Protein backbone atom coordinates (compact mmCIF):
# COMPACT_ATOMS: atom_id res chain seq x y z
CA ALA A 1 5.75 8.86 -10.49
CA CYS A 2 2.23 8.78 -11.25
CA GLY A 3 -0.85 11.19 -11.91
CA ARG A 4 -4.65 10.93 -12.44
CA THR A 5 -6.01 13.34 -14.89
CA THR A 6 -9.44 15.46 -14.30
CA GLY A 7 -10.74 12.45 -16.82
CA ASN A 8 -9.71 9.84 -14.25
CA LYS A 9 -7.21 8.25 -16.54
CA VAL A 10 -3.67 7.58 -14.90
CA TYR A 11 -0.35 8.16 -16.56
CA CYS A 12 3.07 7.27 -14.90
CA TRP A 13 6.55 7.71 -15.71
CA GLY A 14 10.07 6.95 -14.36
CA ARG A 15 12.57 3.91 -13.90
CA ASN A 16 10.07 1.07 -14.52
CA GLU A 17 12.54 -1.63 -13.77
CA PHE A 18 9.38 -3.96 -12.32
CA GLY A 19 6.78 -2.53 -14.69
CA GLU A 20 5.69 0.09 -11.95
CA VAL A 21 4.56 2.74 -14.91
CA GLY A 22 1.95 0.07 -15.86
CA ASP A 23 2.17 0.30 -19.51
CA GLY A 24 3.00 -3.40 -19.92
CA THR A 25 6.65 -2.67 -20.33
CA ARG A 26 9.97 -2.43 -18.37
CA ASP A 27 11.54 0.39 -20.12
CA MET A 28 12.29 3.61 -18.51
CA ARG A 29 9.57 6.28 -19.21
CA LEU A 30 10.92 9.75 -19.33
CA GLN A 31 7.53 11.26 -19.89
CA PRO A 32 3.98 10.12 -18.71
CA VAL A 33 2.38 7.22 -20.41
CA HIS A 34 -1.09 5.88 -20.04
CA VAL A 35 -1.55 2.87 -17.68
CA ALA A 36 -2.74 -0.20 -19.67
CA GLY A 37 -6.18 -1.61 -19.26
CA ASN A 38 -8.44 1.41 -19.63
CA ILE A 39 -9.31 1.63 -16.03
CA THR A 40 -10.68 4.81 -14.67
CA PHE A 41 -9.27 5.25 -11.21
CA ARG A 42 -10.33 7.40 -8.45
CA GLN A 43 -7.23 6.98 -6.47
CA VAL A 44 -3.45 6.10 -7.58
CA SER A 45 -0.64 5.84 -5.13
CA THR A 46 2.96 4.89 -5.64
CA GLY A 47 5.21 2.83 -3.51
CA GLY A 48 8.91 1.99 -3.61
CA THR A 49 8.73 -0.10 -6.99
CA HIS A 50 5.01 -0.92 -7.31
CA THR A 51 1.94 1.38 -7.60
CA CYS A 52 -1.59 0.75 -6.65
CA GLY A 53 -5.05 2.24 -7.62
CA VAL A 54 -8.73 2.04 -6.69
CA ASP A 55 -11.56 2.17 -9.57
CA PHE A 56 -14.96 3.59 -9.33
CA GLN A 57 -16.35 0.24 -8.49
CA SER A 58 -13.77 0.25 -5.26
CA ARG A 59 -11.69 -2.47 -6.91
CA LEU A 60 -7.92 -2.62 -6.07
CA TYR A 61 -5.27 -2.92 -8.83
CA CYS A 62 -1.63 -3.15 -8.29
CA TRP A 63 1.34 -3.19 -10.61
CA GLY A 64 5.17 -3.36 -10.49
CA SER A 65 7.33 -4.94 -8.08
CA ASN A 66 6.25 -8.28 -6.26
CA GLN A 67 9.45 -9.12 -4.57
CA ASN A 68 7.99 -9.38 -1.14
CA GLY A 69 4.35 -10.25 -2.23
CA GLN A 70 3.12 -6.51 -2.33
CA GLN A 71 0.94 -7.21 -5.50
CA GLY A 72 -1.35 -9.00 -2.81
CA ASP A 73 -2.58 -11.92 -5.39
CA GLY A 74 -0.63 -14.54 -3.31
CA THR A 75 2.33 -14.78 -5.34
CA VAL A 76 6.13 -13.58 -4.79
CA GLU A 77 8.53 -12.59 -7.25
CA THR A 78 5.84 -12.42 -10.27
CA HIS A 79 6.14 -8.87 -11.08
CA ARG A 80 3.26 -7.30 -12.95
CA SER A 81 3.78 -4.72 -15.73
CA VAL A 82 0.08 -3.85 -16.06
CA PRO A 83 -2.54 -3.23 -13.53
CA THR A 84 -3.80 -6.80 -11.78
CA LEU A 85 -6.67 -7.12 -9.76
CA VAL A 86 -5.94 -7.70 -6.05
CA PRO A 87 -8.52 -10.22 -4.39
CA ILE A 88 -9.72 -7.75 -1.71
CA GLY A 89 -12.78 -5.38 -1.52
CA PRO A 90 -14.73 -3.28 -1.84
CA ILE A 91 -11.89 -0.63 -1.14
CA ALA A 92 -12.00 2.97 -0.17
CA GLY A 93 -8.30 3.73 -0.32
CA VAL A 94 -4.90 2.20 -0.83
CA ALA A 95 -1.31 3.08 0.93
CA PRO A 96 1.46 1.50 -1.02
CA GLY A 97 4.86 1.33 1.00
CA SER A 98 8.24 0.47 0.21
CA GLU A 99 7.71 -3.30 -0.10
CA HIS A 100 4.47 -3.82 1.48
CA THR A 101 0.88 -2.30 0.68
CA CYS A 102 -2.27 -1.44 2.99
CA ALA A 103 -5.74 -0.98 2.04
CA ILE A 104 -8.75 0.39 3.71
CA THR A 105 -12.13 -1.44 2.99
CA THR A 106 -15.23 0.44 2.68
CA GLU A 107 -16.28 -0.59 5.98
CA ARG A 108 -13.03 1.17 7.54
CA ARG A 109 -10.81 -2.06 8.20
CA VAL A 110 -7.41 -2.18 7.34
CA PHE A 111 -5.68 -5.19 5.22
CA CYS A 112 -2.13 -5.18 4.76
CA TRP A 113 0.50 -7.75 2.91
CA GLY A 114 4.07 -7.81 1.64
CA TYR A 115 7.34 -7.40 3.49
CA ASN A 116 6.51 -8.02 7.17
CA ALA A 117 10.27 -8.39 8.86
CA PHE A 118 9.34 -5.48 11.35
CA GLY A 119 5.66 -5.98 11.44
CA ALA A 120 4.36 -3.69 8.67
CA VAL A 121 1.49 -6.10 7.99
CA GLY A 122 -0.04 -5.54 11.34
CA ASP A 123 -1.31 -9.05 12.09
CA GLY A 124 0.97 -9.55 15.17
CA SER A 125 3.75 -11.56 13.49
CA THR A 126 6.84 -10.87 11.54
CA ILE A 127 6.35 -13.50 8.90
CA THR A 128 7.65 -12.25 5.79
CA PRO A 129 6.70 -12.48 2.95
CA ARG A 130 2.94 -12.19 3.48
CA PRO A 131 1.72 -12.25 0.00
CA SER A 132 -2.01 -12.16 0.40
CA PRO A 133 -4.17 -9.41 2.27
CA VAL A 134 -4.18 -10.09 6.27
CA ALA A 135 -6.43 -8.19 8.45
CA VAL A 136 -4.58 -5.64 10.84
CA LEU A 137 -5.17 -6.43 14.50
CA GLY A 138 -6.99 -4.13 16.82
CA ASN A 139 -10.52 -3.92 15.38
CA LEU A 140 -9.87 -0.24 14.47
CA LEU A 141 -11.82 1.71 12.18
CA ILE A 142 -9.78 3.84 10.04
CA GLU A 143 -10.33 7.20 8.30
CA THR A 144 -7.27 7.88 6.63
CA MET A 145 -3.46 6.17 6.48
CA ASN A 146 -0.05 6.28 5.01
CA ALA A 147 2.67 3.71 4.63
CA GLY A 148 6.18 4.43 4.80
CA TYR A 149 9.52 2.57 4.24
CA GLY A 150 8.58 -0.34 6.83
CA HIS A 151 5.90 1.19 8.73
CA ASN A 152 2.19 2.68 8.50
CA CYS A 153 0.32 5.19 10.38
CA ALA A 154 -3.45 5.69 10.48
CA VAL A 155 -5.94 8.06 11.88
CA THR A 156 -9.34 6.90 13.27
CA PRO A 157 -12.76 8.81 12.55
CA THR A 158 -12.29 10.37 16.05
CA GLY A 159 -8.87 11.70 15.29
CA ARG A 160 -6.77 9.14 17.27
CA GLY A 161 -3.30 8.30 15.59
CA TYR A 162 -2.10 4.47 15.31
CA CYS A 163 1.25 3.43 13.91
CA TRP A 164 2.89 0.09 13.42
CA GLY A 165 5.87 -1.74 11.76
CA ASP A 166 9.51 -0.55 12.01
CA GLY A 167 9.88 1.88 15.01
CA THR A 168 13.68 1.45 15.26
CA LEU A 169 14.14 5.26 14.43
CA GLY A 170 11.02 6.44 16.47
CA GLN A 171 8.71 6.10 13.44
CA LEU A 172 5.71 4.74 15.64
CA GLY A 173 5.41 8.03 17.45
CA ASN A 174 4.95 6.29 20.87
CA ASN A 175 8.14 7.50 22.68
CA GLY A 176 10.08 4.36 21.98
CA VAL A 177 12.22 2.92 19.32
CA ALA A 178 10.91 -0.57 19.29
CA SER A 179 9.08 -1.98 16.31
CA SER A 180 5.48 -3.29 16.73
CA SER A 181 3.73 -5.97 14.71
CA VAL A 182 0.40 -4.64 15.86
CA PRO A 183 -0.97 -0.78 15.87
CA VAL A 184 0.05 1.25 18.80
CA ARG A 185 -1.30 4.89 19.65
CA VAL A 186 0.80 7.61 18.90
CA ALA A 187 1.52 9.84 21.83
CA ALA A 188 -0.37 12.80 22.53
CA ALA A 189 1.20 16.10 21.68
CA PRO A 190 2.62 18.21 24.40
């Protein structure tokens, strides 16, 4: 778990097996510890076993597990125990999933990376892992988004919902149970 203070400092705590607490260790933390690097974040979000944050210069940092390239730095299996800059930007927001990550640029475009067996990266493929940011297909402008276990859902500035990735349990909201490696429109509510 992580939280941001009113002074924009980030503190994390918990299991920390892969360094997801971000203090340079891999020891369990039973109380909040300050994330290394003296970075002030305007957003911080946790994924399955990794964490990402956006600073006030719209730079993206991630730390923790990199089992499937979810750090976005082009590597796999190189876990990070301190915030590491992701070569993408400028970033408006970040949504870490279980083993993948997505980010919204300041131009409202979405890029994703990491575990992609069900198409969570959204580039039309199921090539996995995808250790570097890849543009999500569809040329959609996105206002907000969230990442799940193996899928993502996003909302456009006009309020339309789109999801992609693992849909085997109906997660995509399009009246089906098929996965999609590209964004599909969420069905209208009755």
